C-alpha atoms as a PDB file:
ATOM      1  CA  MET A   1     109.018  80.582 105.271  1.00  0.00           C
ATOM      2  CA  LEU A   2     106.149  82.639 105.524  1.00  0.00           C
ATOM      3  CA  PRO A   3     106.238  85.938 103.852  1.00  0.00           C
ATOM      4  CA  ILE A   4     104.138  88.921 104.814  1.00  0.00           C
ATOM      5  CA  TYR A   5     102.776  91.018 101.983  1.00  0.00           C
ATOM      6  CA  LEU A   6     101.567  94.369 101.187  1.00  0.00           C
ATOM      7  CA  PRO A   7      99.141  94.589  98.168  1.00  0.00           C
ATOM      8  CA  ARG A   8      99.212  97.917  95.641  1.00  0.00           C
ATOM      9  CA  LEU A   9      97.009  98.457  92.949  1.00  0.00           C
ATOM     10  CA  HIS A  10      98.424  99.486  89.317  1.00  0.00           C
ATOM     11  CA  ARG A  11      96.265 100.537  87.212  1.00  0.00           C
ATOM     12  CA  LEU A  12      97.425  99.478  83.194  1.00  0.00           C
ATOM     13  CA  VAL A  13      96.390 101.060  80.030  1.00  0.00           C
ATOM     14  CA  ALA A  14      97.648  99.648  76.959  1.00  0.00           C
ATOM     15  CA  ALA A  15      95.161 100.499  73.936  1.00  0.00           C
ATOM     16  CA  GLY A  16      94.486  96.480  74.207  1.00  0.00           C
ATOM     17  CA  ILE A  17      97.941  95.354  74.787  1.00  0.00           C
ATOM     18  CA  ALA A  18      99.029  93.490  77.638  1.00  0.00           C
ATOM     19  CA  ILE A  19     101.917  95.098  79.463  1.00  0.00           C
ATOM     20  CA  ALA A  20     103.844  94.921  82.717  1.00  0.00           C
ATOM     21  CA  LEU A  21     105.582  97.888  84.246  1.00  0.00           C
ATOM     22  CA  SER A  22     108.532  96.038  85.266  1.00  0.00           C
ATOM     23  CA  ALA A  23     109.821  92.196  86.007  1.00  0.00           C
ATOM     24  CA  ALA A  24     108.206  92.780  89.582  1.00  0.00           C
ATOM     25  CA  VAL A  25     105.028  93.760  88.155  1.00  0.00           C
ATOM     26  CA  PRO A  26     102.548  90.924  86.552  1.00  0.00           C
ATOM     27  CA  ILE A  27     101.192  91.294  83.334  1.00  0.00           C
ATOM     28  CA  ALA A  28      97.542  92.604  83.142  1.00  0.00           C
ATOM     29  CA  VAL A  29      94.785  92.894  80.517  1.00  0.00           C
ATOM     30  CA  ALA A  30      94.012  96.455  79.191  1.00  0.00           C
ATOM     31  CA  GLY A  31      91.859  98.406  81.760  1.00  0.00           C
ATOM     32  CA  LYS A  32      92.423  96.071  84.529  1.00  0.00           C
ATOM     33  CA  HIS A  33      93.648  96.511  87.764  1.00  0.00           C
ATOM     34  CA  SER A  34      96.564  94.049  88.656  1.00  0.00           C
ATOM     35  CA  ILE A  35      98.144  93.167  92.396  1.00  0.00           C
ATOM     36  CA  GLU A  36     101.501  93.583  93.202  1.00  0.00           C
ATOM     37  CA  LEU A  37     102.630  92.029  96.007  1.00  0.00           C
ATOM     38  CA  VAL A  38     105.514  93.606  98.185  1.00  0.00           C
ATOM     39  CA  PRO A  39     107.209  91.382 100.803  1.00  0.00           C
ATOM     40  CA  LEU A  40     107.786  93.485 103.747  1.00  0.00           C
ATOM     41  CA  ASP A  41     109.658  90.724 106.087  1.00  0.00           C
ATOM     42  CA  THR A  42     109.679  86.739 106.080  1.00  0.00           C
ATOM     43  CA  TYR A  43     109.382  84.453 109.289  1.00  0.00           C
ATOM     44  CA  ALA A  44     111.406  81.392 108.807  1.00  0.00           C
ATOM     45  CA  THR A  45     111.195  78.250 110.846  1.00  0.00           C
ATOM     46  CA  GLY A  46     114.329  76.660 110.133  1.00  0.00           C
ATOM     47  CA  ILE A  47     112.375  73.460 109.212  1.00  0.00           C
ATOM     48  CA  PHE A  48     111.754  72.953 105.458  1.00  0.00           C
ATOM     49  CA  ASP A  49     109.857  70.996 103.398  1.00  0.00           C
ATOM     50  CA  ASP A  50     107.844  69.728 105.791  1.00  0.00           C
ATOM     51  CA  SER A  51     104.741  71.805 106.856  1.00  0.00           C
ATOM     52  CA  ALA A  52     106.194  73.910 109.276  1.00  0.00           C
ATOM     53  CA  ALA A  53     104.596  77.339 108.213  1.00  0.00           C
ATOM     54  CA  GLU A  54     101.145  76.375 106.367  1.00  0.00           C
ATOM     55  CA  ILE A  55      98.312  77.818 107.530  1.00  0.00           C
ATOM     56  CA  VAL A  56      98.487  81.811 109.058  1.00  0.00           C
ATOM     57  CA  ALA A  57      95.146  83.798 110.601  1.00  0.00           C
ATOM     58  CA  HIS A  58      95.658  87.396 112.176  1.00  0.00           C
ATOM     59  CA  ASP A  59      94.186  88.907 114.941  1.00  0.00           C
ATOM     60  CA  PRO A  60      93.617  92.556 114.384  1.00  0.00           C
ATOM     61  CA  GLU A  61      93.254  93.589 118.210  1.00  0.00           C
ATOM     62  CA  SER A  62      96.422  92.572 119.515  1.00  0.00           C
ATOM     63  CA  GLN A  63      98.030  92.394 115.895  1.00  0.00           C
ATOM     64  CA  ARG A  64      99.578  88.983 116.384  1.00  0.00           C
ATOM     65  CA  LEU A  65      99.994  86.105 113.780  1.00  0.00           C
ATOM     66  CA  PHE A  66      99.230  83.002 114.451  1.00  0.00           C
ATOM     67  CA  VAL A  67     101.119  80.141 112.290  1.00  0.00           C
ATOM     68  CA  VAL A  68     100.375  76.293 112.116  1.00  0.00           C
ATOM     69  CA  ASN A  69     103.698  74.493 112.708  1.00  0.00           C
ATOM     70  CA  GLY A  70     102.490  70.917 111.560  1.00  0.00           C
ATOM     71  CA  ALA A  71     106.359  69.914 111.484  1.00  0.00           C
ATOM     72  CA  GLU A  72     106.297  70.800 115.661  1.00  0.00           C
ATOM     73  CA  ALA A  73     103.030  70.247 116.355  1.00  0.00           C
ATOM     74  CA  THR A  74     102.697  74.047 117.570  1.00  0.00           C
ATOM     75  CA  ILE A  75     100.874  77.040 116.664  1.00  0.00           C
ATOM     76  CA  ASP A  76     103.501  79.904 116.458  1.00  0.00           C
ATOM     77  CA  VAL A  77     102.544  83.360 117.575  1.00  0.00           C
ATOM     78  CA  LEU A  78     104.240  86.030 115.826  1.00  0.00           C
ATOM     79  CA  ASP A  79     104.147  90.038 116.803  1.00  0.00           C
ATOM     80  CA  ALA A  80     103.042  91.423 113.821  1.00  0.00           C
ATOM     81  CA  SER A  81     102.381  95.405 114.748  1.00  0.00           C
ATOM     82  CA  ASP A  82     105.194  96.158 112.570  1.00  0.00           C
ATOM     83  CA  PRO A  83     105.164  94.262 109.908  1.00  0.00           C
ATOM     84  CA  ALA A  84     108.449  94.813 108.462  1.00  0.00           C
ATOM     85  CA  ASN A  85     110.149  93.378 111.422  1.00  0.00           C
ATOM     86  CA  LEU A  86     108.195  90.113 112.314  1.00  0.00           C
ATOM     87  CA  VAL A  87     109.086  89.017 116.284  1.00  0.00           C
ATOM     88  CA  LYS A  88     108.073  85.455 117.443  1.00  0.00           C
ATOM     89  CA  LEU A  89     106.669  85.751 120.850  1.00  0.00           C
ATOM     90  CA  ASP A  90     105.985  82.167 121.666  1.00  0.00           C
ATOM     91  CA  ASP A  91     104.177  79.116 120.412  1.00  0.00           C
ATOM     92  CA  ILE A  92     101.097  77.045 121.692  1.00  0.00           C
ATOM     93  CA  ASP A  93     101.769  73.631 122.188  1.00  0.00           C
ATOM     94  CA  VAL A  94      99.183  71.177 120.633  1.00  0.00           C
ATOM     95  CA  SER A  95     100.400  67.915 121.246  1.00  0.00           C
ATOM     96  CA  PRO A  96      98.640  67.010 124.715  1.00  0.00           C
ATOM     97  CA  TYR A  97      95.295  67.072 122.088  1.00  0.00           C
ATOM     98  CA  GLY A  98      96.482  65.176 119.528  1.00  0.00           C
ATOM     99  CA  LYS A  99      99.502  64.661 116.872  1.00  0.00           C
ATOM    100  CA  ALA A 100      99.645  68.496 115.087  1.00  0.00           C
ATOM    101  CA  ALA A 101      97.218  71.299 114.248  1.00  0.00           C
ATOM    102  CA  ASN A 102      96.263  71.497 110.280  1.00  0.00           C
ATOM    103  CA  SER A 103      94.437  74.891 110.864  1.00  0.00           C
ATOM    104  CA  VAL A 104      94.059  77.927 112.829  1.00  0.00           C
ATOM    105  CA  ASP A 105      91.439  80.885 112.938  1.00  0.00           C
ATOM    106  CA  VAL A 106      90.794  83.728 114.987  1.00  0.00           C
ATOM    107  CA  SER A 107      87.971  85.637 116.095  1.00  0.00           C
ATOM    108  CA  ASP A 108      87.292  88.165 118.739  1.00  0.00           C
ATOM    109  CA  GLY A 109      90.031  87.148 120.572  1.00  0.00           C
ATOM    110  CA  VAL A 110      89.365  83.752 120.471  1.00  0.00           C
ATOM    111  CA  VAL A 111      91.971  81.300 118.557  1.00  0.00           C
ATOM    112  CA  ALA A 112      90.722  78.016 117.451  1.00  0.00           C
ATOM    113  CA  ALA A 113      92.818  75.222 116.312  1.00  0.00           C
ATOM    114  CA  ALA A 114      91.834  72.046 114.061  1.00  0.00           C
ATOM    115  CA  VAL A 115      94.041  68.817 115.975  1.00  0.00           C
ATOM    116  CA  GLU A 116      94.107  65.542 114.098  1.00  0.00           C
ATOM    117  CA  ASN A 117      93.843  62.466 115.983  1.00  0.00           C
ATOM    118  CA  ASN A 118      97.096  60.410 116.657  1.00  0.00           C
ATOM    119  CA  ASP A 119      95.045  57.955 114.992  1.00  0.00           C
ATOM    120  CA  LYS A 120      94.249  59.540 111.594  1.00  0.00           C
ATOM    121  CA  GLN A 121      90.984  57.742 111.133  1.00  0.00           C
ATOM    122  CA  ALA A 122      89.882  58.616 114.831  1.00  0.00           C
ATOM    123  CA  ASP A 123      87.523  61.749 115.443  1.00  0.00           C
ATOM    124  CA  GLY A 124      89.794  64.465 115.655  1.00  0.00           C
ATOM    125  CA  VAL A 125      89.379  67.726 117.952  1.00  0.00           C
ATOM    126  CA  VAL A 126      89.067  71.750 117.986  1.00  0.00           C
ATOM    127  CA  VAL A 127      90.968  73.448 120.573  1.00  0.00           C
ATOM    128  CA  PHE A 128      90.271  77.075 121.488  1.00  0.00           C
ATOM    129  CA  PHE A 129      92.895  79.661 123.397  1.00  0.00           C
ATOM    130  CA  ASP A 130      93.101  83.085 123.554  1.00  0.00           C
ATOM    131  CA  THR A 131      95.483  85.179 121.984  1.00  0.00           C
ATOM    132  CA  ASN A 132      98.211  84.809 124.529  1.00  0.00           C
ATOM    133  CA  GLY A 133      97.848  81.086 124.316  1.00  0.00           C
ATOM    134  CA  GLU A 134      95.524  80.171 127.455  1.00  0.00           C
ATOM    135  CA  TYR A 135      93.632  77.011 126.899  1.00  0.00           C
ATOM    136  CA  LEU A 136      89.822  77.782 127.109  1.00  0.00           C
ATOM    137  CA  GLY A 137      88.570  74.486 125.977  1.00  0.00           C
ATOM    138  CA  GLN A 138      87.632  71.934 123.508  1.00  0.00           C
ATOM    139  CA  VAL A 139      85.116  70.025 121.636  1.00  0.00           C
ATOM    140  CA  THR A 140      85.214  66.862 119.447  1.00  0.00           C
ATOM    141  CA  VAL A 141      84.738  66.979 116.036  1.00  0.00           C
ATOM    142  CA  GLY A 142      84.978  64.647 112.840  1.00  0.00           C
ATOM    143  CA  ALA A 143      87.624  62.693 111.339  1.00  0.00           C
ATOM    144  CA  LEU A 144      91.084  64.291 110.312  1.00  0.00           C
ATOM    145  CA  PRO A 145      89.684  68.493 110.832  1.00  0.00           C
ATOM    146  CA  ASP A 146      91.244  69.866 107.887  1.00  0.00           C
ATOM    147  CA  MET A 147      90.692  73.491 107.496  1.00  0.00           C
ATOM    148  CA  LEU A 148      87.915  75.516 110.338  1.00  0.00           C
ATOM    149  CA  THR A 149      87.015  79.182 109.852  1.00  0.00           C
ATOM    150  CA  PHE A 150      84.509  81.376 112.021  1.00  0.00           C
ATOM    151  CA  THR A 151      81.650  82.755 110.169  1.00  0.00           C
ATOM    152  CA  HIS A 152      82.053  86.828 110.163  1.00  0.00           C
ATOM    153  CA  ASP A 153      79.982  87.667 113.007  1.00  0.00           C
ATOM    154  CA  GLY A 154      82.069  84.966 115.020  1.00  0.00           C
ATOM    155  CA  ASP A 155      78.799  83.052 116.117  1.00  0.00           C
ATOM    156  CA  TRP A 156      79.507  79.800 114.505  1.00  0.00           C
ATOM    157  CA  LEU A 157      82.822  77.879 113.759  1.00  0.00           C
ATOM    158  CA  LEU A 158      83.028  75.717 110.751  1.00  0.00           C
ATOM    159  CA  VAL A 159      85.114  72.422 110.571  1.00  0.00           C
ATOM    160  CA  ALA A 160      85.783  70.621 107.328  1.00  0.00           C
ATOM    161  CA  ASN A 161      86.345  66.857 108.316  1.00  0.00           C
ATOM    162  CA  GLU A 162      88.835  65.313 105.274  1.00  0.00           C
ATOM    163  CA  GLY A 163      87.594  61.847 106.976  1.00  0.00           C
ATOM    164  CA  GLU A 164      91.122  60.171 104.901  1.00  0.00           C
ATOM    165  CA  PRO A 165      91.544  56.443 104.303  1.00  0.00           C
ATOM    166  CA  ASN A 166      94.509  54.491 105.827  1.00  0.00           C
ATOM    167  CA  ASP A 167      96.643  53.656 103.363  1.00  0.00           C
ATOM    168  CA  ASP A 168      94.827  49.881 102.649  1.00  0.00           C
ATOM    169  CA  TYR A 169      91.686  50.920 103.000  1.00  0.00           C
ATOM    170  CA  THR A 170      90.523  49.298 105.563  1.00  0.00           C
ATOM    171  CA  VAL A 171      89.471  51.718 107.930  1.00  0.00           C
ATOM    172  CA  ASP A 172      87.711  54.702 106.106  1.00  0.00           C
ATOM    173  CA  PRO A 173      85.547  57.112 108.077  1.00  0.00           C
ATOM    174  CA  TRP A 174      83.023  59.533 106.617  1.00  0.00           C
ATOM    175  CA  GLY A 175      84.078  62.995 105.466  1.00  0.00           C
ATOM    176  CA  THR A 176      82.054  65.747 107.299  1.00  0.00           C
ATOM    177  CA  VAL A 177      81.439  69.274 108.196  1.00  0.00           C
ATOM    178  CA  SER A 178      81.089  70.204 111.923  1.00  0.00           C
ATOM    179  CA  ILE A 179      79.220  73.540 112.953  1.00  0.00           C
ATOM    180  CA  ILE A 180      79.962  74.913 116.343  1.00  0.00           C
ATOM    181  CA  ASP A 181      77.769  76.899 117.930  1.00  0.00           C
ATOM    182  CA  MET A 182      80.113  79.851 119.417  1.00  0.00           C
ATOM    183  CA  ARG A 183      77.465  82.255 120.722  1.00  0.00           C
ATOM    184  CA  GLU A 184      78.343  81.155 124.392  1.00  0.00           C
ATOM    185  CA  GLY A 185      81.809  81.446 124.472  1.00  0.00           C
ATOM    186  CA  ALA A 186      84.303  78.985 124.038  1.00  0.00           C
ATOM    187  CA  ASP A 187      85.353  78.502 127.655  1.00  0.00           C
ATOM    188  CA  ASP A 188      81.261  77.225 127.740  1.00  0.00           C
ATOM    189  CA  LEU A 189      81.275  74.663 125.135  1.00  0.00           C
ATOM    190  CA  ASP A 190      80.234  70.922 125.357  1.00  0.00           C
ATOM    191  CA  PRO A 191      79.153  68.343 122.772  1.00  0.00           C
ATOM    192  CA  SER A 192      75.726  69.830 122.400  1.00  0.00           C
ATOM    193  CA  ASP A 193      77.341  72.554 120.728  1.00  0.00           C
ATOM    194  CA  VAL A 194      78.330  70.635 117.992  1.00  0.00           C
ATOM    195  CA  ARG A 195      76.700  69.455 114.746  1.00  0.00           C
ATOM    196  CA  SER A 196      78.079  67.088 111.930  1.00  0.00           C
ATOM    197  CA  VAL A 197      76.663  67.110 108.324  1.00  0.00           C
ATOM    198  CA  ASP A 198      77.908  64.200 106.460  1.00  0.00           C
ATOM    199  CA  PHE A 199      76.674  62.699 103.250  1.00  0.00           C
ATOM    200  CA  GLU A 200      74.807  59.466 104.118  1.00  0.00           C
ATOM    201  CA  ASP A 201      72.144  61.049 102.176  1.00  0.00           C
ATOM    202  CA  PHE A 202      73.653  60.495  98.853  1.00  0.00           C
ATOM    203  CA  ASN A 203      74.305  56.827  99.241  1.00  0.00           C
ATOM    204  CA  GLY A 204      72.730  55.196  96.448  1.00  0.00           C
ATOM    205  CA  ALA A 205      71.808  58.477  94.820  1.00  0.00           C
ATOM    206  CA  THR A 206      72.438  58.988  91.230  1.00  0.00           C
ATOM    207  CA  LEU A 207      75.341  61.638  91.014  1.00  0.00           C
ATOM    208  CA  ASP A 208      76.823  63.651  88.650  1.00  0.00           C
ATOM    209  CA  PRO A 209      79.035  61.763  86.209  1.00  0.00           C
ATOM    210  CA  SER A 210      81.800  64.375  87.057  1.00  0.00           C
ATOM    211  CA  ILE A 211      81.958  63.217  90.741  1.00  0.00           C
ATOM    212  CA  ARG A 212      84.072  60.027  91.232  1.00  0.00           C
ATOM    213  CA  ILE A 213      83.852  57.252  93.545  1.00  0.00           C
ATOM    214  CA  PHE A 214      87.016  55.052  93.943  1.00  0.00           C
ATOM    215  CA  GLY A 215      87.432  53.752  97.048  1.00  0.00           C
ATOM    216  CA  PRO A 216      87.632  50.075  97.371  1.00  0.00           C
ATOM    217  CA  THR A 217      83.638  49.445  98.165  1.00  0.00           C
ATOM    218  CA  ALA A 218      83.558  52.610  99.517  1.00  0.00           C
ATOM    219  CA  THR A 219      79.946  54.676  99.807  1.00  0.00           C
ATOM    220  CA  VAL A 220      79.709  58.432  98.691  1.00  0.00           C
ATOM    221  CA  ALA A 221      79.752  59.329 102.709  1.00  0.00           C
ATOM    222  CA  GLN A 222      83.070  57.370 102.766  1.00  0.00           C
ATOM    223  CA  ASP A 223      84.710  58.884  99.504  1.00  0.00           C
ATOM    224  CA  LEU A 224      84.327  62.773  99.768  1.00  0.00           C
ATOM    225  CA  GLU A 225      86.668  64.069 101.684  1.00  0.00           C
ATOM    226  CA  PRO A 226      85.894  67.686 102.428  1.00  0.00           C
ATOM    227  CA  GLU A 227      89.090  69.630 102.775  1.00  0.00           C
ATOM    228  CA  TYR A 228      88.058  73.789 102.422  1.00  0.00           C
ATOM    229  CA  ILE A 229      85.176  75.861 103.384  1.00  0.00           C
ATOM    230  CA  ALA A 230      84.326  79.387 102.094  1.00  0.00           C
ATOM    231  CA  THR A 231      81.370  81.666 104.147  1.00  0.00           C
ATOM    232  CA  SER A 232      79.288  84.191 102.760  1.00  0.00           C
ATOM    233  CA  LYS A 233      79.381  87.610 104.202  1.00  0.00           C
ATOM    234  CA  ASN A 234      75.805  87.183 105.448  1.00  0.00           C
ATOM    235  CA  GLY A 235      76.630  84.189 107.135  1.00  0.00           C
END
């Protein structure tokens, strides 16, 4: 189930005492702000405990939500123009491109989906659609693309390729981060627009003791598994 929230700020002042205004309001330290999350509506896929509503991206122009539904290898498209009345419009089938989508983001009318290969240890793809679900193009990235995000200006798309091993570690792909140049548009991409960063330079290096390399015979490049990316507002 996917809840939609409207944040509201509350100032709690209680002479150094932590208080709660009601059972629904989080406790806050005196003089600080707290956030109360008030559900406006929910969208339920009807599929329980199977990653059927995992990652959400919002397009402010079309007022649509794009929701990763891993259980059905789709991206569900919701009309959120009235947040108190979510309506499913359609879904985007990603099964022609791989096993399922792991992440979705949207920028300037372009929806990007990170799709893992049917062979989890093989390279995956990023597939691009417009906000109506029409296919625009795709590029190959690293193994198990797990999360992607546009930079704030939309010029670049960054992809964390987790590179998980198989169960017995006989195949252990490198973890990488792919950097996709979006400046010419999603419908004009080719392999030269994709660069991937890996961790090979750290193989054999002295690492901080807190970094644990534990895969059988694994190198640093194999064992590090990027899973999430954050970008600064200035890119």
